Amino acid sequence: MRRSVFERSRIGALAGGQDSIKFAMLHHIAVVTPGNRKRYAEIYRQLHLPKIYLSSTRDLDKCYRAWGLERMPQLHDESH
């Protein structure tokens, strides 16, 4: 819901596209996503490969800075 209302110019958004909030989306967030999160967390936990867990964009930004990386710029310019 946050990206539909507040993040209209986010990276990956389609130029000219308009997100909207629908009952199906709210159902997916409230009913489907919690189960998926648990299932994916268990898969992640059992995976025996080198991995890093970044739980927020703030953590991702910290990691980028620590590794001397830059985030990609917006893929589209809203001034067009």
PDB file of N, CA and C in Angstrom:
ATOM      1  N   MET A   1       0.835  -1.183   0.000  1.00  0.00           N
ATOM      2  CA  MET A   1       0.000   0.000   0.000  1.00  0.00           C
ATOM      3  C   MET A   1       0.877   1.243   0.000  1.00  0.00           C
ATOM      4  N   ARG A   2       1.995   1.167   0.728  1.00  0.00           N
ATOM      5  CA  ARG A   2       2.879   2.332   0.813  1.00  0.00           C
ATOM      6  C   ARG A   2       3.329   2.770  -0.566  1.00  0.00           C
ATOM      7  N   ARG A   3       3.746   1.809  -1.399  1.00  0.00           N
ATOM      8  CA  ARG A   3       4.250   2.222  -2.707  1.00  0.00           C
ATOM      9  C   ARG A   3       3.132   2.752  -3.597  1.00  0.00           C
ATOM     10  N   SER A   4       1.907   2.269  -3.424  1.00  0.00           N
ATOM     11  CA  SER A   4       0.792   2.779  -4.222  1.00  0.00           C
ATOM     12  C   SER A   4       0.464   4.214  -3.879  1.00  0.00           C
ATOM     13  N   VAL A   5       0.650   4.575  -2.617  1.00  0.00           N
ATOM     14  CA  VAL A   5       0.272   5.910  -2.171  1.00  0.00           C
ATOM     15  C   VAL A   5       1.460   6.870  -2.144  1.00  0.00           C
ATOM     16  N   PHE A   6       2.600   6.411  -1.605  1.00  0.00           N
ATOM     17  CA  PHE A   6       3.705   7.331  -1.338  1.00  0.00           C
ATOM     18  C   PHE A   6       4.920   7.181  -2.251  1.00  0.00           C
ATOM     19  N   GLU A   7       5.080   6.054  -2.925  1.00  0.00           N
ATOM     20  CA  GLU A   7       6.300   5.812  -3.700  1.00  0.00           C
ATOM     21  C   GLU A   7       6.002   5.703  -5.195  1.00  0.00           C
ATOM     22  N   ARG A   8       5.325   6.661  -5.711  1.00  0.00           N
ATOM     23  CA  ARG A   8       4.911   6.615  -7.114  1.00  0.00           C
ATOM     24  C   ARG A   8       6.092   6.683  -8.079  1.00  0.00           C
ATOM     25  N   SER A   9       7.212   7.238  -7.669  1.00  0.00           N
ATOM     26  CA  SER A   9       8.379   7.349  -8.561  1.00  0.00           C
ATOM     27  C   SER A   9       9.488   6.391  -8.152  1.00  0.00           C
ATOM     28  N   ARG A  10       9.119   5.238  -7.595  1.00  0.00           N
ATOM     29  CA  ARG A  10      10.113   4.276  -7.120  1.00  0.00           C
ATOM     30  C   ARG A  10      10.846   3.610  -8.290  1.00  0.00           C
ATOM     31  N   ILE A  11      12.013   3.081  -8.000  1.00  0.00           N
ATOM     32  CA  ILE A  11      12.774   2.327  -8.991  1.00  0.00           C
ATOM     33  C   ILE A  11      11.947   1.107  -9.382  1.00  0.00           C
ATOM     34  N   GLY A  12      11.843   0.865 -10.651  1.00  0.00           N
ATOM     35  CA  GLY A  12      11.095  -0.290 -11.145  1.00  0.00           C
ATOM     36  C   GLY A  12       9.655   0.018 -11.510  1.00  0.00           C
ATOM     37  N   ALA A  13       9.172   1.212 -11.143  1.00  0.00           N
ATOM     38  CA  ALA A  13       7.810   1.583 -11.518  1.00  0.00           C
ATOM     39  C   ALA A  13       7.760   1.831 -13.022  1.00  0.00           C
ATOM     40  N   LEU A  14       6.661   1.474 -13.631  1.00  0.00           N
ATOM     41  CA  LEU A  14       6.518   1.696 -15.064  1.00  0.00           C
ATOM     42  C   LEU A  14       6.144   3.150 -15.319  1.00  0.00           C
ATOM     43  N   ALA A  15       6.831   3.766 -16.257  1.00  0.00           N
ATOM     44  CA  ALA A  15       6.544   5.154 -16.606  1.00  0.00           C
ATOM     45  C   ALA A  15       5.085   5.273 -17.032  1.00  0.00           C
ATOM     46  N   GLY A  16       4.365   6.181 -16.418  1.00  0.00           N
ATOM     47  CA  GLY A  16       2.961   6.400 -16.755  1.00  0.00           C
ATOM     48  C   GLY A  16       1.998   5.444 -16.083  1.00  0.00           C
ATOM     49  N   GLY A  17       2.528   4.433 -15.405  1.00  0.00           N
ATOM     50  CA  GLY A  17       1.669   3.465 -14.727  1.00  0.00           C
ATOM     51  C   GLY A  17       1.101   4.055 -13.439  1.00  0.00           C
ATOM     52  N   GLN A  18      -0.084   3.632 -13.062  1.00  0.00           N
ATOM     53  CA  GLN A  18      -0.693   4.107 -11.833  1.00  0.00           C
ATOM     54  C   GLN A  18      -1.104   2.921 -10.983  1.00  0.00           C
ATOM     55  N   ASP A  19      -0.482   2.824  -9.807  1.00  0.00           N
ATOM     56  CA  ASP A  19      -0.869   1.773  -8.870  1.00  0.00           C
ATOM     57  C   ASP A  19      -2.173   2.169  -8.199  1.00  0.00           C
ATOM     58  N   SER A  20      -2.950   1.178  -7.831  1.00  0.00           N
ATOM     59  CA  SER A  20      -4.177   1.450  -7.087  1.00  0.00           C
ATOM     60  C   SER A  20      -4.337   0.365  -6.026  1.00  0.00           C
ATOM     61  N   ILE A  21      -5.126   0.656  -5.025  1.00  0.00           N
ATOM     62  CA  ILE A  21      -5.366  -0.281  -3.939  1.00  0.00           C
ATOM     63  C   ILE A  21      -6.682  -0.998  -4.204  1.00  0.00           C
ATOM     64  N   LYS A  22      -6.619  -2.331  -4.255  1.00  0.00           N
ATOM     65  CA  LYS A  22      -7.803  -3.141  -4.524  1.00  0.00           C
ATOM     66  C   LYS A  22      -7.964  -4.181  -3.429  1.00  0.00           C
ATOM     67  N   PHE A  23      -9.166  -4.711  -3.284  1.00  0.00           N
ATOM     68  CA  PHE A  23      -9.430  -5.717  -2.258  1.00  0.00           C
ATOM     69  C   PHE A  23      -8.515  -6.925  -2.431  1.00  0.00           C
ATOM     70  N   ALA A  24      -8.289  -7.365  -3.667  1.00  0.00           N
ATOM     71  CA  ALA A  24      -7.430  -8.532  -3.910  1.00  0.00           C
ATOM     72  C   ALA A  24      -6.022  -8.295  -3.374  1.00  0.00           C
ATOM     73  N   MET A  25      -5.513  -7.073  -3.522  1.00  0.00           N
ATOM     74  CA  MET A  25      -4.187  -6.747  -3.016  1.00  0.00           C
ATOM     75  C   MET A  25      -4.183  -6.786  -1.489  1.00  0.00           C
ATOM     76  N   LEU A  26      -5.199  -6.213  -0.861  1.00  0.00           N
ATOM     77  CA  LEU A  26      -5.281  -6.221   0.603  1.00  0.00           C
ATOM     78  C   LEU A  26      -5.381  -7.659   1.131  1.00  0.00           C
ATOM     79  N   HIS A  27      -6.153  -8.497   0.454  1.00  0.00           N
ATOM     80  CA  HIS A  27      -6.271  -9.908   0.829  1.00  0.00           C
ATOM     81  C   HIS A  27      -4.918 -10.602   0.717  1.00  0.00           C
ATOM     82  N   HIS A  28      -4.222 -10.347  -0.363  1.00  0.00           N
ATOM     83  CA  HIS A  28      -2.906 -10.963  -0.558  1.00  0.00           C
ATOM     84  C   HIS A  28      -1.949 -10.550   0.573  1.00  0.00           C
ATOM     85  N   ILE A  29      -1.928  -9.259   0.902  1.00  0.00           N
ATOM     86  CA  ILE A  29      -1.051  -8.756   1.962  1.00  0.00           C
ATOM     87  C   ILE A  29      -1.414  -9.373   3.302  1.00  0.00           C
ATOM     88  N   ALA A  30      -2.695  -9.425   3.621  1.00  0.00           N
ATOM     89  CA  ALA A  30      -3.137  -9.870   4.942  1.00  0.00           C
ATOM     90  C   ALA A  30      -3.168 -11.387   5.104  1.00  0.00           C
ATOM     91  N   VAL A  31      -3.458 -12.120   4.027  1.00  0.00           N
ATOM     92  CA  VAL A  31      -3.669 -13.562   4.148  1.00  0.00           C
ATOM     93  C   VAL A  31      -2.521 -14.379   3.542  1.00  0.00           C
ATOM     94  N   VAL A  32      -2.123 -14.053   2.333  1.00  0.00           N
ATOM     95  CA  VAL A  32      -1.146 -14.873   1.616  1.00  0.00           C
ATOM     96  C   VAL A  32       0.290 -14.582   2.057  1.00  0.00           C
ATOM     97  N   THR A  33       0.649 -13.306   2.135  1.00  0.00           N
ATOM     98  CA  THR A  33       2.031 -12.920   2.421  1.00  0.00           C
ATOM     99  C   THR A  33       2.572 -13.472   3.729  1.00  0.00           C
ATOM    100  N   PRO A  34       1.834 -13.422   4.847  1.00  0.00           N
ATOM    101  CA  PRO A  34       2.411 -13.955   6.093  1.00  0.00           C
ATOM    102  C   PRO A  34       2.838 -15.418   5.976  1.00  0.00           C
ATOM    103  N   GLY A  35       2.056 -16.231   5.322  1.00  0.00           N
ATOM    104  CA  GLY A  35       2.427 -17.631   5.126  1.00  0.00           C
ATOM    105  C   GLY A  35       3.651 -17.775   4.239  1.00  0.00           C
ATOM    106  N   ASN A  36       3.714 -16.968   3.192  1.00  0.00           N
ATOM    107  CA  ASN A  36       4.875 -17.001   2.306  1.00  0.00           C
ATOM    108  C   ASN A  36       6.132 -16.596   3.053  1.00  0.00           C
ATOM    109  N   ARG A  37       6.034 -15.561   3.864  1.00  0.00           N
ATOM    110  CA  ARG A  37       7.207 -15.106   4.620  1.00  0.00           C
ATOM    111  C   ARG A  37       7.757 -16.221   5.498  1.00  0.00           C
ATOM    112  N   LYS A  38       6.875 -16.933   6.171  1.00  0.00           N
ATOM    113  CA  LYS A  38       7.320 -18.035   7.034  1.00  0.00           C
ATOM    114  C   LYS A  38       7.983 -19.129   6.211  1.00  0.00           C
ATOM    115  N   ARG A  39       7.367 -19.475   5.099  1.00  0.00           N
ATOM    116  CA  ARG A  39       7.906 -20.537   4.250  1.00  0.00           C
ATOM    117  C   ARG A  39       9.266 -20.136   3.673  1.00  0.00           C
ATOM    118  N   TYR A  40       9.373 -18.902   3.159  1.00  0.00           N
ATOM    119  CA  TYR A  40      10.636 -18.447   2.576  1.00  0.00           C
ATOM    120  C   TYR A  40      11.716 -18.289   3.644  1.00  0.00           C
ATOM    121  N   ALA A  41      11.341 -17.858   4.844  1.00  0.00           N
ATOM    122  CA  ALA A  41      12.315 -17.747   5.932  1.00  0.00           C
ATOM    123  C   ALA A  41      12.892 -19.109   6.282  1.00  0.00           C
ATOM    124  N   GLU A  42      12.048 -20.130   6.276  1.00  0.00           N
ATOM    125  CA  GLU A  42      12.526 -21.484   6.571  1.00  0.00           C
ATOM    126  C   GLU A  42      13.439 -21.991   5.461  1.00  0.00           C
ATOM    127  N   ILE A  43      13.097 -21.736   4.219  1.00  0.00           N
ATOM    128  CA  ILE A  43      13.959 -22.128   3.094  1.00  0.00           C
ATOM    129  C   ILE A  43      15.303 -21.428   3.217  1.00  0.00           C
ATOM    130  N   TYR A  44      15.275 -20.137   3.510  1.00  0.00           N
ATOM    131  CA  TYR A  44      16.507 -19.352   3.678  1.00  0.00           C
ATOM    132  C   TYR A  44      17.352 -19.930   4.812  1.00  0.00           C
ATOM    133  N   ARG A  45      16.711 -20.241   5.933  1.00  0.00           N
ATOM    134  CA  ARG A  45      17.421 -20.770   7.092  1.00  0.00           C
ATOM    135  C   ARG A  45      18.108 -22.094   6.767  1.00  0.00           C
ATOM    136  N   GLN A  46      17.458 -22.935   5.980  1.00  0.00           N
ATOM    137  CA  GLN A  46      17.997 -24.253   5.663  1.00  0.00           C
ATOM    138  C   GLN A  46      19.033 -24.242   4.537  1.00  0.00           C
ATOM    139  N   LEU A  47      19.116 -23.137   3.816  1.00  0.00           N
ATOM    140  CA  LEU A  47      20.043 -23.035   2.691  1.00  0.00           C
ATOM    141  C   LEU A  47      21.480 -22.975   3.200  1.00  0.00           C
ATOM    142  N   HIS A  48      22.310 -23.896   2.730  1.00  0.00           N
ATOM    143  CA  HIS A  48      23.696 -23.973   3.197  1.00  0.00           C
ATOM    144  C   HIS A  48      24.645 -23.367   2.167  1.00  0.00           C
ATOM    145  N   LEU A  49      24.421 -22.104   1.869  1.00  0.00           N
ATOM    146  CA  LEU A  49      25.264 -21.328   0.970  1.00  0.00           C
ATOM    147  C   LEU A  49      25.620 -20.024   1.671  1.00  0.00           C
ATOM    148  N   PRO A  50      26.719 -19.378   1.265  1.00  0.00           N
ATOM    149  CA  PRO A  50      26.992 -18.055   1.836  1.00  0.00           C
ATOM    150  C   PRO A  50      25.815 -17.129   1.535  1.00  0.00           C
ATOM    151  N   LYS A  51      25.394 -16.372   2.508  1.00  0.00           N
ATOM    152  CA  LYS A  51      24.246 -15.496   2.309  1.00  0.00           C
ATOM    153  C   LYS A  51      24.331 -14.318   3.263  1.00  0.00           C
ATOM    154  N   ILE A  52      23.568 -13.301   2.926  1.00  0.00           N
ATOM    155  CA  ILE A  52      23.464 -12.122   3.774  1.00  0.00           C
ATOM    156  C   ILE A  52      21.985 -11.757   3.834  1.00  0.00           C
ATOM    157  N   TYR A  53      21.529 -11.380   5.014  1.00  0.00           N
ATOM    158  CA  TYR A  53      20.118 -11.028   5.190  1.00  0.00           C
ATOM    159  C   TYR A  53      20.021  -9.540   5.495  1.00  0.00           C
ATOM    160  N   LEU A  54      19.376  -8.799   4.620  1.00  0.00           N
ATOM    161  CA  LEU A  54      19.151  -7.369   4.803  1.00  0.00           C
ATOM    162  C   LEU A  54      17.643  -7.168   4.872  1.00  0.00           C
ATOM    163  N   SER A  55      17.156  -6.787   6.047  1.00  0.00           N
ATOM    164  CA  SER A  55      15.714  -6.779   6.263  1.00  0.00           C
ATOM    165  C   SER A  55      15.023  -5.463   5.924  1.00  0.00           C
ATOM    166  N   SER A  56      15.785  -4.459   5.533  1.00  0.00           N
ATOM    167  CA  SER A  56      15.157  -3.178   5.215  1.00  0.00           C
ATOM    168  C   SER A  56      16.003  -2.427   4.190  1.00  0.00           C
ATOM    169  N   THR A  57      15.423  -1.403   3.590  1.00  0.00           N
ATOM    170  CA  THR A  57      16.197  -0.577   2.668  1.00  0.00           C
ATOM    171  C   THR A  57      17.298   0.154   3.411  1.00  0.00           C
ATOM    172  N   ARG A  58      17.068   0.477   4.668  1.00  0.00           N
ATOM    173  CA  ARG A  58      18.107   1.116   5.483  1.00  0.00           C
ATOM    174  C   ARG A  58      19.316   0.178   5.614  1.00  0.00           C
ATOM    175  N   ASP A  59      19.053  -1.106   5.900  1.00  0.00           N
ATOM    176  CA  ASP A  59      20.140  -2.083   5.981  1.00  0.00           C
ATOM    177  C   ASP A  59      20.847  -2.226   4.635  1.00  0.00           C
ATOM    178  N   LEU A  60      20.082  -2.224   3.561  1.00  0.00           N
ATOM    179  CA  LEU A  60      20.663  -2.318   2.231  1.00  0.00           C
ATOM    180  C   LEU A  60      21.563  -1.121   1.955  1.00  0.00           C
ATOM    181  N   ASP A  61      21.094   0.079   2.294  1.00  0.00           N
ATOM    182  CA  ASP A  61      21.908   1.282   2.100  1.00  0.00           C
ATOM    183  C   ASP A  61      23.201   1.224   2.910  1.00  0.00           C
ATOM    184  N   LYS A  62      23.118   0.750   4.165  1.00  0.00           N
ATOM    185  CA  LYS A  62      24.324   0.603   4.992  1.00  0.00           C
ATOM    186  C   LYS A  62      25.307  -0.360   4.348  1.00  0.00           C
ATOM    187  N   CYS A  63      24.799  -1.459   3.837  1.00  0.00           N
ATOM    188  CA  CYS A  63      25.646  -2.456   3.186  1.00  0.00           C
ATOM    189  C   CYS A  63      26.309  -1.862   1.944  1.00  0.00           C
ATOM    190  N   TYR A  64      25.558  -1.155   1.132  1.00  0.00           N
ATOM    191  CA  TYR A  64      26.121  -0.511  -0.058  1.00  0.00           C
ATOM    192  C   TYR A  64      27.259   0.423   0.342  1.00  0.00           C
ATOM    193  N   ARG A  65      27.036   1.262   1.350  1.00  0.00           N
ATOM    194  CA  ARG A  65      28.072   2.204   1.794  1.00  0.00           C
ATOM    195  C   ARG A  65      29.298   1.453   2.301  1.00  0.00           C
ATOM    196  N   ALA A  66      29.093   0.409   3.105  1.00  0.00           N
ATOM    197  CA  ALA A  66      30.208  -0.357   3.663  1.00  0.00           C
ATOM    198  C   ALA A  66      31.034  -1.016   2.559  1.00  0.00           C
ATOM    199  N   TRP A  67      30.387  -1.430   1.478  1.00  0.00           N
ATOM    200  CA  TRP A  67      31.080  -2.095   0.385  1.00  0.00           C
ATOM    201  C   TRP A  67      31.529  -1.118  -0.703  1.00  0.00           C
ATOM    202  N   GLY A  68      31.282   0.194  -0.494  1.00  0.00           N
ATOM    203  CA  GLY A  68      31.692   1.200  -1.471  1.00  0.00           C
ATOM    204  C   GLY A  68      30.903   1.147  -2.766  1.00  0.00           C
ATOM    205  N   LEU A  69      29.640   0.727  -2.696  1.00  0.00           N
ATOM    206  CA  LEU A  69      28.778   0.625  -3.867  1.00  0.00           C
ATOM    207  C   LEU A  69      27.820   1.802  -3.927  1.00  0.00           C
ATOM    208  N   GLU A  70      27.274   2.048  -5.107  1.00  0.00           N
ATOM    209  CA  GLU A  70      26.261   3.092  -5.270  1.00  0.00           C
ATOM    210  C   GLU A  70      24.970   2.458  -5.733  1.00  0.00           C
ATOM    211  N   ARG A  71      23.847   2.998  -5.262  1.00  0.00           N
ATOM    212  CA  ARG A  71      22.539   2.521  -5.727  1.00  0.00           C
ATOM    213  C   ARG A  71      22.329   3.025  -7.144  1.00  0.00           C
ATOM    214  N   MET A  72      21.592   2.240  -7.933  1.00  0.00           N
ATOM    215  CA  MET A  72      21.291   2.653  -9.305  1.00  0.00           C
ATOM    216  C   MET A  72      20.325   3.839  -9.267  1.00  0.00           C
ATOM    217  N   PRO A  73      20.496   4.779 -10.193  1.00  0.00           N
ATOM    218  CA  PRO A  73      19.555   5.911 -10.248  1.00  0.00           C
ATOM    219  C   PRO A  73      18.185   5.445 -10.712  1.00  0.00           C
ATOM    220  N   GLN A  74      17.189   6.297 -10.552  1.00  0.00           N
ATOM    221  CA  GLN A  74      15.836   5.996 -11.027  1.00  0.00           C
ATOM    222  C   GLN A  74      15.894   5.579 -12.486  1.00  0.00           C
ATOM    223  N   LEU A  75      15.071   4.604 -12.850  1.00  0.00           N
ATOM    224  CA  LEU A  75      15.087   4.094 -14.215  1.00  0.00           C
ATOM    225  C   LEU A  75      14.333   4.998 -15.193  1.00  0.00           C
ATOM    226  N   HIS A  76      13.493   5.862 -14.674  1.00  0.00           N
ATOM    227  CA  HIS A  76      12.781   6.783 -15.541  1.00  0.00           C
ATOM    228  C   HIS A  76      12.744   8.155 -14.885  1.00  0.00           C
ATOM    229  N   ASP A  77      12.626   9.163 -15.698  1.00  0.00           N
ATOM    230  CA  ASP A  77      12.599  10.539 -15.217  1.00  0.00           C
ATOM    231  C   ASP A  77      11.168  11.034 -15.290  1.00  0.00           C
ATOM    232  N   GLU A  78      10.633  11.510 -14.181  1.00  0.00           N
ATOM    233  CA  GLU A  78       9.226  11.945 -14.148  1.00  0.00           C
ATOM    234  C   GLU A  78       9.000  13.261 -14.865  1.00  0.00           C
ATOM    235  N   SER A  79      10.059  13.955 -15.283  1.00  0.00           N
ATOM    236  CA  SER A  79       9.861  15.242 -15.937  1.00  0.00           C
ATOM    237  C   SER A  79       9.416  15.086 -17.394  1.00  0.00           C
ATOM    238  N   HIS A  80       9.430  13.848 -17.933  1.00  0.00           N
ATOM    239  CA  HIS A  80       9.025  13.628 -19.327  1.00  0.00           C
ATOM    240  C   HIS A  80       7.554  13.391 -19.425  1.00  0.00           C
TER     241      HIS A  80
END
